[in-house]
Structure formats: C-alpha cells, structure tokens
Amino acid sequence: MWLTIATPPTRSLDQLDAVMGATAPEGLRARYACQADGDFRIIAVWDSKEHADRFFREVLGPVLARVLGPEPAGAPAMTGMEVLREFIPAVAG
C-alpha cells in the first residue's frame, strides 16, 4: 500500500470538488480532502506506488488543465510513503 499527501494548486473548495470528482483513479483505496495553513491537502491511499505514480504522471495534469485552465498556478507538491501497517479499529460487540 502507498500513501500520498499532495498540495493541489486549487484556490477554492469548488475547484477542489471539480478536480476530485473528475476521475476515479485505478488503484485508489481512499482519498481525503483537508486544509492546513490555508492550503488544501489531499491524502490518498493507493494499492501501490505504481498506481499513484501513473495517476500523477498520466491523469492529474489533464484534469487540472481542464478544471483550472491550461496553466494552473503551479504543479501539486506531493510526498509519498509506503504504508507499513494498517490499523483498523475493532468493532465493539
């Protein structure tokens, strides 16, 4: 499993919704939108690093260009890391 934290070049929640809703990436397990220090952050959990790399390389650029215009205000900054363990809370019964 692979986790990414990206800072997209979106400036409004409407833009973020348009980017996030434009595609259902292959290998994506979950995606969360947050805000920190005035910037949006997208935390995504992927089946593999290869799935995330393919999305950032082949899919995201055209989606950003379609939603934000041909020259969005910067490329998304992205950090990726391997998930070592997944902890799922037990359901009380």
PDB file of N, CA and C in Angstrom:
ATOM      1  N   MET A   1       0.836  -1.172   0.000  1.00  0.00           N
ATOM      2  CA  MET A   1       0.000   0.000   0.000  1.00  0.00           C
ATOM      3  C   MET A   1       0.883   1.238   0.000  1.00  0.00           C
ATOM      4  N   TRP A   2       0.385   2.308  -0.604  1.00  0.00           N
ATOM      5  CA  TRP A   2       1.139   3.547  -0.742  1.00  0.00           C
ATOM      6  C   TRP A   2       0.242   4.711  -0.341  1.00  0.00           C
ATOM      7  N   LEU A   3       0.790   5.692   0.365  1.00  0.00           N
ATOM      8  CA  LEU A   3       0.047   6.864   0.808  1.00  0.00           C
ATOM      9  C   LEU A   3       0.688   8.097   0.200  1.00  0.00           C
ATOM     10  N   THR A   4      -0.139   9.014  -0.297  1.00  0.00           N
ATOM     11  CA  THR A   4       0.377  10.279  -0.803  1.00  0.00           C
ATOM     12  C   THR A   4      -0.297  11.436  -0.078  1.00  0.00           C
ATOM     13  N   ILE A   5       0.465  12.499   0.104  1.00  0.00           N
ATOM     14  CA  ILE A   5      -0.062  13.757   0.620  1.00  0.00           C
ATOM     15  C   ILE A   5       0.312  14.813  -0.408  1.00  0.00           C
ATOM     16  N   ALA A   6      -0.711  15.405  -1.024  1.00  0.00           N
ATOM     17  CA  ALA A   6      -0.478  16.371  -2.098  1.00  0.00           C
ATOM     18  C   ALA A   6      -1.098  17.713  -1.740  1.00  0.00           C
ATOM     19  N   THR A   7      -0.462  18.778  -2.217  1.00  0.00           N
ATOM     20  CA  THR A   7      -0.993  20.128  -2.085  1.00  0.00           C
ATOM     21  C   THR A   7      -1.370  20.588  -3.495  1.00  0.00           C
ATOM     22  N   PRO A   8      -2.652  20.522  -3.838  1.00  0.00           N
ATOM     23  CA  PRO A   8      -3.063  20.888  -5.196  1.00  0.00           C
ATOM     24  C   PRO A   8      -3.059  22.399  -5.390  1.00  0.00           C
ATOM     25  N   PRO A   9      -2.981  22.850  -6.647  1.00  0.00           N
ATOM     26  CA  PRO A   9      -2.969  24.292  -6.915  1.00  0.00           C
ATOM     27  C   PRO A   9      -4.371  24.900  -6.954  1.00  0.00           C
ATOM     28  N   THR A  10      -5.338  24.286  -6.297  1.00  0.00           N
ATOM     29  CA  THR A  10      -6.700  24.820  -6.259  1.00  0.00           C
ATOM     30  C   THR A  10      -6.786  25.933  -5.222  1.00  0.00           C
ATOM     31  N   ARG A  11      -7.674  26.883  -5.472  1.00  0.00           N
ATOM     32  CA  ARG A  11      -7.826  28.031  -4.574  1.00  0.00           C
ATOM     33  C   ARG A  11      -9.199  28.092  -3.922  1.00  0.00           C
ATOM     34  N   SER A  12     -10.115  27.193  -4.338  1.00  0.00           N
ATOM     35  CA  SER A  12     -11.447  27.210  -3.731  1.00  0.00           C
ATOM     36  C   SER A  12     -11.933  25.767  -3.571  1.00  0.00           C
ATOM     37  N   LEU A  13     -12.900  25.611  -2.705  1.00  0.00           N
ATOM     38  CA  LEU A  13     -13.486  24.295  -2.489  1.00  0.00           C
ATOM     39  C   LEU A  13     -14.220  23.816  -3.742  1.00  0.00           C
ATOM     40  N   ASP A  14     -14.827  24.743  -4.490  1.00  0.00           N
ATOM     41  CA  ASP A  14     -15.489  24.365  -5.746  1.00  0.00           C
ATOM     42  C   ASP A  14     -14.487  23.803  -6.750  1.00  0.00           C
ATOM     43  N   GLN A  15     -13.320  24.444  -6.873  1.00  0.00           N
ATOM     44  CA  GLN A  15     -12.278  23.925  -7.764  1.00  0.00           C
ATOM     45  C   GLN A  15     -11.815  22.555  -7.300  1.00  0.00           C
ATOM     46  N   LEU A  16     -11.620  22.406  -6.004  1.00  0.00           N
ATOM     47  CA  LEU A  16     -11.172  21.130  -5.452  1.00  0.00           C
ATOM     48  C   LEU A  16     -12.201  20.039  -5.744  1.00  0.00           C
ATOM     49  N   ASP A  17     -13.489  20.346  -5.545  1.00  0.00           N
ATOM     50  CA  ASP A  17     -14.546  19.376  -5.836  1.00  0.00           C
ATOM     51  C   ASP A  17     -14.525  18.970  -7.307  1.00  0.00           C
ATOM     52  N   ALA A  18     -14.316  19.931  -8.196  1.00  0.00           N
ATOM     53  CA  ALA A  18     -14.283  19.636  -9.631  1.00  0.00           C
ATOM     54  C   ALA A  18     -13.106  18.736  -9.983  1.00  0.00           C
ATOM     55  N   VAL A  19     -11.947  18.989  -9.395  1.00  0.00           N
ATOM     56  CA  VAL A  19     -10.774  18.146  -9.650  1.00  0.00           C
ATOM     57  C   VAL A  19     -10.992  16.751  -9.076  1.00  0.00           C
ATOM     58  N   MET A  20     -11.454  16.672  -7.843  1.00  0.00           N
ATOM     59  CA  MET A  20     -11.626  15.375  -7.180  1.00  0.00           C
ATOM     60  C   MET A  20     -12.710  14.528  -7.849  1.00  0.00           C
ATOM     61  N   GLY A  21     -13.751  15.179  -8.356  1.00  0.00           N
ATOM     62  CA  GLY A  21     -14.852  14.441  -8.960  1.00  0.00           C
ATOM     63  C   GLY A  21     -14.644  14.099 -10.417  1.00  0.00           C
ATOM     64  N   ALA A  22     -13.543  14.548 -11.009  1.00  0.00           N
ATOM     65  CA  ALA A  22     -13.326  14.367 -12.437  1.00  0.00           C
ATOM     66  C   ALA A  22     -12.871  12.968 -12.813  1.00  0.00           C
ATOM     67  N   THR A  23     -12.385  12.194 -11.862  1.00  0.00           N
ATOM     68  CA  THR A  23     -11.865  10.877 -12.193  1.00  0.00           C
ATOM     69  C   THR A  23     -11.937   9.950 -10.992  1.00  0.00           C
ATOM     70  N   ALA A  24     -12.066   8.672 -11.274  1.00  0.00           N
ATOM     71  CA  ALA A  24     -11.991   7.638 -10.239  1.00  0.00           C
ATOM     72  C   ALA A  24     -10.751   6.815 -10.555  1.00  0.00           C
ATOM     73  N   PRO A  25      -9.602   7.199  -9.995  1.00  0.00           N
ATOM     74  CA  PRO A  25      -8.337   6.567 -10.371  1.00  0.00           C
ATOM     75  C   PRO A  25      -8.279   5.074 -10.044  1.00  0.00           C
ATOM     76  N   GLU A  26      -7.667   4.338 -10.949  1.00  0.00           N
ATOM     77  CA  GLU A  26      -7.419   2.918 -10.717  1.00  0.00           C
ATOM     78  C   GLU A  26      -6.446   2.765  -9.552  1.00  0.00           C
ATOM     79  N   GLY A  27      -6.748   1.845  -8.639  1.00  0.00           N
ATOM     80  CA  GLY A  27      -5.863   1.572  -7.518  1.00  0.00           C
ATOM     81  C   GLY A  27      -6.052   2.479  -6.321  1.00  0.00           C
ATOM     82  N   LEU A  28      -6.996   3.415  -6.392  1.00  0.00           N
ATOM     83  CA  LEU A  28      -7.240   4.321  -5.275  1.00  0.00           C
ATOM     84  C   LEU A  28      -8.149   3.640  -4.259  1.00  0.00           C
ATOM     85  N   ARG A  29      -7.698   3.566  -3.009  1.00  0.00           N
ATOM     86  CA  ARG A  29      -8.497   2.966  -1.929  1.00  0.00           C
ATOM     87  C   ARG A  29      -9.332   4.005  -1.204  1.00  0.00           C
ATOM     88  N   ALA A  30      -8.758   5.167  -0.924  1.00  0.00           N
ATOM     89  CA  ALA A  30      -9.460   6.228  -0.197  1.00  0.00           C
ATOM     90  C   ALA A  30      -8.766   7.549  -0.490  1.00  0.00           C
ATOM     91  N   ARG A  31      -9.543   8.622  -0.415  1.00  0.00           N
ATOM     92  CA  ARG A  31      -8.978   9.952  -0.649  1.00  0.00           C
ATOM     93  C   ARG A  31      -9.677  10.914   0.299  1.00  0.00           C
ATOM     94  N   TYR A  32      -8.898  11.773   0.962  1.00  0.00           N
ATOM     95  CA  TYR A  32      -9.414  12.711   1.955  1.00  0.00           C
ATOM     96  C   TYR A  32      -8.939  14.115   1.615  1.00  0.00           C
ATOM     97  N   ALA A  33      -9.857  15.071   1.681  1.00  0.00           N
ATOM     98  CA  ALA A  33      -9.514  16.475   1.464  1.00  0.00           C
ATOM     99  C   ALA A  33      -9.451  17.163   2.814  1.00  0.00           C
ATOM    100  N   CYS A  34      -8.373  17.896   3.042  1.00  0.00           N
ATOM    101  CA  CYS A  34      -8.154  18.608   4.304  1.00  0.00           C
ATOM    102  C   CYS A  34      -7.673  20.015   3.973  1.00  0.00           C
ATOM    103  N   GLN A  35      -7.552  20.841   4.997  1.00  0.00           N
ATOM    104  CA  GLN A  35      -6.969  22.161   4.817  1.00  0.00           C
ATOM    105  C   GLN A  35      -6.004  22.429   5.963  1.00  0.00           C
ATOM    106  N   ALA A  36      -4.820  22.918   5.610  1.00  0.00           N
ATOM    107  CA  ALA A  36      -3.796  23.242   6.606  1.00  0.00           C
ATOM    108  C   ALA A  36      -3.086  24.508   6.160  1.00  0.00           C
ATOM    109  N   ASP A  37      -2.949  25.448   7.071  1.00  0.00           N
ATOM    110  CA  ASP A  37      -2.252  26.706   6.784  1.00  0.00           C
ATOM    111  C   ASP A  37      -2.808  27.412   5.544  1.00  0.00           C
ATOM    112  N   GLY A  38      -4.119  27.301   5.329  1.00  0.00           N
ATOM    113  CA  GLY A  38      -4.752  27.978   4.205  1.00  0.00           C
ATOM    114  C   GLY A  38      -4.669  27.250   2.879  1.00  0.00           C
ATOM    115  N   ASP A  39      -3.968  26.128   2.818  1.00  0.00           N
ATOM    116  CA  ASP A  39      -3.844  25.354   1.591  1.00  0.00           C
ATOM    117  C   ASP A  39      -4.590  24.035   1.732  1.00  0.00           C
ATOM    118  N   PHE A  40      -5.131  23.558   0.612  1.00  0.00           N
ATOM    119  CA  PHE A  40      -5.764  22.253   0.617  1.00  0.00           C
ATOM    120  C   PHE A  40      -4.693  21.169   0.605  1.00  0.00           C
ATOM    121  N   ARG A  41      -4.998  20.053   1.208  1.00  0.00           N
ATOM    122  CA  ARG A  41      -4.143  18.862   1.161  1.00  0.00           C
ATOM    123  C   ARG A  41      -5.042  17.692   0.784  1.00  0.00           C
ATOM    124  N   ILE A  42      -4.533  16.836  -0.059  1.00  0.00           N
ATOM    125  CA  ILE A  42      -5.247  15.620  -0.430  1.00  0.00           C
ATOM    126  C   ILE A  42      -4.414  14.447   0.067  1.00  0.00           C
ATOM    127  N   ILE A  43      -4.996  13.662   0.950  1.00  0.00           N
ATOM    128  CA  ILE A  43      -4.345  12.458   1.453  1.00  0.00           C
ATOM    129  C   ILE A  43      -5.021  11.288   0.754  1.00  0.00           C
ATOM    130  N   ALA A  44      -4.234  10.463   0.083  1.00  0.00           N
ATOM    131  CA  ALA A  44      -4.791   9.345  -0.679  1.00  0.00           C
ATOM    132  C   ALA A  44      -4.074   8.055  -0.307  1.00  0.00           C
ATOM    133  N   VAL A  45      -4.830   6.983  -0.269  1.00  0.00           N
ATOM    134  CA  VAL A  45      -4.288   5.651  -0.017  1.00  0.00           C
ATOM    135  C   VAL A  45      -4.461   4.851  -1.307  1.00  0.00           C
ATOM    136  N   TRP A  46      -3.348   4.298  -1.790  1.00  0.00           N
ATOM    137  CA  TRP A  46      -3.311   3.590  -3.072  1.00  0.00           C
ATOM    138  C   TRP A  46      -2.972   2.119  -2.857  1.00  0.00           C
ATOM    139  N   ASP A  47      -3.370   1.288  -3.805  1.00  0.00           N
ATOM    140  CA  ASP A  47      -2.981  -0.120  -3.771  1.00  0.00           C
ATOM    141  C   ASP A  47      -1.465  -0.265  -3.869  1.00  0.00           C
ATOM    142  N   SER A  48      -0.829   0.623  -4.668  1.00  0.00           N
ATOM    143  CA  SER A  48       0.622   0.522  -4.859  1.00  0.00           C
ATOM    144  C   SER A  48       1.193   1.877  -5.274  1.00  0.00           C
ATOM    145  N   LYS A  49       2.492   2.010  -5.158  1.00  0.00           N
ATOM    146  CA  LYS A  49       3.198   3.206  -5.616  1.00  0.00           C
ATOM    147  C   LYS A  49       3.002   3.385  -7.117  1.00  0.00           C
ATOM    148  N   GLU A  50       2.978   2.278  -7.851  1.00  0.00           N
ATOM    149  CA  GLU A  50       2.815   2.331  -9.299  1.00  0.00           C
ATOM    150  C   GLU A  50       1.475   2.963  -9.677  1.00  0.00           C
ATOM    151  N   HIS A  51       0.407   2.627  -8.936  1.00  0.00           N
ATOM    152  CA  HIS A  51      -0.890   3.237  -9.210  1.00  0.00           C
ATOM    153  C   HIS A  51      -0.829   4.753  -8.992  1.00  0.00           C
ATOM    154  N   ALA A  52      -0.238   5.171  -7.881  1.00  0.00           N
ATOM    155  CA  ALA A  52      -0.134   6.606  -7.585  1.00  0.00           C
ATOM    156  C   ALA A  52       0.721   7.304  -8.635  1.00  0.00           C
ATOM    157  N   ASP A  53       1.861   6.731  -8.969  1.00  0.00           N
ATOM    158  CA  ASP A  53       2.749   7.337  -9.969  1.00  0.00           C
ATOM    159  C   ASP A  53       2.039   7.500 -11.305  1.00  0.00           C
ATOM    160  N   ARG A  54       1.322   6.469 -11.729  1.00  0.00           N
ATOM    161  CA  ARG A  54       0.610   6.528 -13.008  1.00  0.00           C
ATOM    162  C   ARG A  54      -0.434   7.643 -12.982  1.00  0.00           C
ATOM    163  N   PHE A  55      -1.180   7.758 -11.877  1.00  0.00           N
ATOM    164  CA  PHE A  55      -2.181   8.810 -11.761  1.00  0.00           C
ATOM    165  C   PHE A  55      -1.540  10.195 -11.852  1.00  0.00           C
ATOM    166  N   PHE A  56      -0.480  10.431 -11.076  1.00  0.00           N
ATOM    167  CA  PHE A  56       0.165  11.745 -11.085  1.00  0.00           C
ATOM    168  C   PHE A  56       0.806  12.039 -12.442  1.00  0.00           C
ATOM    169  N   ARG A  57       1.330  11.020 -13.095  1.00  0.00           N
ATOM    170  CA  ARG A  57       2.025  11.202 -14.369  1.00  0.00           C
ATOM    171  C   ARG A  57       1.053  11.359 -15.545  1.00  0.00           C
ATOM    172  N   GLU A  58       0.001  10.544 -15.600  1.00  0.00           N
ATOM    173  CA  GLU A  58      -0.823  10.468 -16.804  1.00  0.00           C
ATOM    174  C   GLU A  58      -2.203  11.113 -16.688  1.00  0.00           C
ATOM    175  N   VAL A  59      -2.752  11.202 -15.491  1.00  0.00           N
ATOM    176  CA  VAL A  59      -4.149  11.616 -15.343  1.00  0.00           C
ATOM    177  C   VAL A  59      -4.294  13.016 -14.760  1.00  0.00           C
ATOM    178  N   LEU A  60      -3.561  13.319 -13.714  1.00  0.00           N
ATOM    179  CA  LEU A  60      -3.796  14.553 -12.965  1.00  0.00           C
ATOM    180  C   LEU A  60      -3.564  15.815 -13.788  1.00  0.00           C
ATOM    181  N   GLY A  61      -2.510  15.854 -14.577  1.00  0.00           N
ATOM    182  CA  GLY A  61      -2.214  17.051 -15.380  1.00  0.00           C
ATOM    183  C   GLY A  61      -3.371  17.467 -16.274  1.00  0.00           C
ATOM    184  N   PRO A  62      -3.908  16.557 -17.104  1.00  0.00           N
ATOM    185  CA  PRO A  62      -5.047  16.928 -17.944  1.00  0.00           C
ATOM    186  C   PRO A  62      -6.292  17.339 -17.145  1.00  0.00           C
ATOM    187  N   VAL A  63      -6.519  16.700 -15.991  1.00  0.00           N
ATOM    188  CA  VAL A  63      -7.664  17.075 -15.155  1.00  0.00           C
ATOM    189  C   VAL A  63      -7.473  18.498 -14.634  1.00  0.00           C
ATOM    190  N   LEU A  64      -6.295  18.815 -14.118  1.00  0.00           N
ATOM    191  CA  LEU A  64      -6.028  20.169 -13.623  1.00  0.00           C
ATOM    192  C   LEU A  64      -6.177  21.200 -14.739  1.00  0.00           C
ATOM    193  N   ALA A  65      -5.672  20.878 -15.934  1.00  0.00           N
ATOM    194  CA  ALA A  65      -5.775  21.814 -17.061  1.00  0.00           C
ATOM    195  C   ALA A  65      -7.234  22.045 -17.449  1.00  0.00           C
ATOM    196  N   ARG A  66      -8.044  20.983 -17.416  1.00  0.00           N
ATOM    197  CA  ARG A  66      -9.458  21.110 -17.779  1.00  0.00           C
ATOM    198  C   ARG A  66     -10.213  21.956 -16.744  1.00  0.00           C
ATOM    199  N   VAL A  67      -9.915  21.771 -15.461  1.00  0.00           N
ATOM    200  CA  VAL A  67     -10.645  22.470 -14.402  1.00  0.00           C
ATOM    201  C   VAL A  67     -10.092  23.872 -14.144  1.00  0.00           C
ATOM    202  N   LEU A  68      -8.769  24.004 -14.133  1.00  0.00           N
ATOM    203  CA  LEU A  68      -8.136  25.268 -13.728  1.00  0.00           C
ATOM    204  C   LEU A  68      -7.606  26.096 -14.887  1.00  0.00           C
ATOM    205  N   GLY A  69      -7.650  25.557 -16.096  1.00  0.00           N
ATOM    206  CA  GLY A  69      -7.090  26.256 -17.241  1.00  0.00           C
ATOM    207  C   GLY A  69      -5.764  25.629 -17.625  1.00  0.00           C
ATOM    208  N   PRO A  70      -5.266  25.983 -18.812  1.00  0.00           N
ATOM    209  CA  PRO A  70      -4.064  25.314 -19.328  1.00  0.00           C
ATOM    210  C   PRO A  70      -2.799  25.532 -18.500  1.00  0.00           C
ATOM    211  N   GLU A  71      -2.770  26.589 -17.707  1.00  0.00           N
ATOM    212  CA  GLU A  71      -1.586  26.848 -16.885  1.00  0.00           C
ATOM    213  C   GLU A  71      -2.008  27.099 -15.442  1.00  0.00           C
ATOM    214  N   PRO A  72      -2.325  26.021 -14.707  1.00  0.00           N
ATOM    215  CA  PRO A  72      -2.701  26.224 -13.307  1.00  0.00           C
ATOM    216  C   PRO A  72      -1.558  26.836 -12.514  1.00  0.00           C
ATOM    217  N   ALA A  73      -1.893  27.429 -11.388  1.00  0.00           N
ATOM    218  CA  ALA A  73      -0.899  28.107 -10.549  1.00  0.00           C
ATOM    219  C   ALA A  73      -0.009  27.090  -9.855  1.00  0.00           C
ATOM    220  N   GLY A  74       0.901  26.504 -10.596  1.00  0.00           N
ATOM    221  CA  GLY A  74       1.858  25.565 -10.028  1.00  0.00           C
ATOM    222  C   GLY A  74       1.380  24.124 -10.063  1.00  0.00           C
ATOM    223  N   ALA A  75       2.324  23.232 -10.051  1.00  0.00           N
ATOM    224  CA  ALA A  75       2.021  21.797 -10.003  1.00  0.00           C
ATOM    225  C   ALA A  75       1.807  21.405  -8.550  1.00  0.00           C
ATOM    226  N   PRO A  76       1.055  20.340  -8.317  1.00  0.00           N
ATOM    227  CA  PRO A  76       0.863  19.930  -6.925  1.00  0.00           C
ATOM    228  C   PRO A  76       2.173  19.435  -6.308  1.00  0.00           C
ATOM    229  N   ALA A  77       2.439  19.856  -5.098  1.00  0.00           N
ATOM    230  CA  ALA A  77       3.560  19.298  -4.349  1.00  0.00           C
ATOM    231  C   ALA A  77       3.073  17.973  -3.781  1.00  0.00           C
ATOM    232  N   MET A  78       3.905  16.936  -3.821  1.00  0.00           N
ATOM    233  CA  MET A  78       3.447  15.626  -3.388  1.00  0.00           C
ATOM    234  C   MET A  78       4.539  14.896  -2.634  1.00  0.00           C
ATOM    235  N   THR A  79       4.143  14.241  -1.549  1.00  0.00           N
ATOM    236  CA  THR A  79       5.012  13.361  -0.780  1.00  0.00           C
ATOM    237  C   THR A  79       4.372  11.984  -0.780  1.00  0.00           C
ATOM    238  N   GLY A  80       5.165  10.949  -0.975  1.00  0.00           N
ATOM    239  CA  GLY A  80       4.647   9.589  -0.945  1.00  0.00           C
ATOM    240  C   GLY A  80       5.419   8.748   0.048  1.00  0.00           C
ATOM    241  N   MET A  81       4.729   7.745   0.591  1.00  0.00           N
ATOM    242  CA  MET A  81       5.400   6.856   1.543  1.00  0.00           C
ATOM    243  C   MET A  81       4.710   5.503   1.563  1.00  0.00           C
ATOM    244  N   GLU A  82       5.492   4.483   1.835  1.00  0.00           N
ATOM    245  CA  GLU A  82       4.958   3.130   1.939  1.00  0.00           C
ATOM    246  C   GLU A  82       4.221   2.968   3.265  1.00  0.00           C
ATOM    247  N   VAL A  83       3.060   2.327   3.209  1.00  0.00           N
ATOM    248  CA  VAL A  83       2.305   2.022   4.420  1.00  0.00           C
ATOM    249  C   VAL A  83       2.877   0.738   5.004  1.00  0.00           C
ATOM    250  N   LEU A  84       3.357   0.789   6.221  1.00  0.00           N
ATOM    251  CA  LEU A  84       3.964  -0.370   6.861  1.00  0.00           C
ATOM    252  C   LEU A  84       2.934  -1.248   7.567  1.00  0.00           C
ATOM    253  N   ARG A  85       1.931  -0.623   8.153  1.00  0.00           N
ATOM    254  CA  ARG A  85       0.866  -1.345   8.846  1.00  0.00           C
ATOM    255  C   ARG A  85      -0.422  -0.569   8.670  1.00  0.00           C
ATOM    256  N   GLU A  86      -1.507  -1.298   8.617  1.00  0.00           N
ATOM    257  CA  GLU A  86      -2.831  -0.694   8.594  1.00  0.00           C
ATOM    258  C   GLU A  86      -3.560  -1.140   9.843  1.00  0.00           C
ATOM    259  N   PHE A  87      -4.002  -0.177  10.634  1.00  0.00           N
ATOM    260  CA  PHE A  87      -4.697  -0.481  11.877  1.00  0.00           C
ATOM    261  C   PHE A  87      -6.169  -0.112  11.702  1.00  0.00           C
ATOM    262  N   ILE A  88      -7.021  -1.102  11.786  1.00  0.00           N
ATOM    263  CA  ILE A  88      -8.466  -0.891  11.662  1.00  0.00           C
ATOM    264  C   ILE A  88      -9.084  -1.139  13.020  1.00  0.00           C
ATOM    265  N   PRO A  89      -9.823  -0.159  13.546  1.00  0.00           N
ATOM    266  CA  PRO A  89     -10.406  -0.318  14.879  1.00  0.00           C
ATOM    267  C   PRO A  89     -11.368  -1.503  14.924  1.00  0.00           C
ATOM    268  N   ALA A  90     -11.326  -2.214  16.033  1.00  0.00           N
ATOM    269  CA  ALA A  90     -12.234  -3.340  16.230  1.00  0.00           C
ATOM    270  C   ALA A  90     -13.635  -2.807  16.529  1.00  0.00           C
ATOM    271  N   VAL A  91     -14.612  -3.511  16.057  1.00  0.00           N
ATOM    272  CA  VAL A  91     -15.998  -3.126  16.303  1.00  0.00           C
ATOM    273  C   VAL A  91     -16.431  -3.738  17.634  1.00  0.00           C
ATOM    274  N   ALA A  92     -16.929  -2.872  18.536  1.00  0.00           N
ATOM    275  CA  ALA A  92     -17.391  -3.361  19.844  1.00  0.00           C
ATOM    276  C   ALA A  92     -18.649  -4.195  19.653  1.00  0.00           C
ATOM    277  N   GLY A  93     -18.713  -5.320  20.295  1.00  0.00           N
ATOM    278  CA  GLY A  93     -19.856  -6.190  20.083  1.00  0.00           C
ATOM    279  C   GLY A  93     -20.485  -6.592  21.301  1.00  0.00           C
TER     280      GLY A  93
END
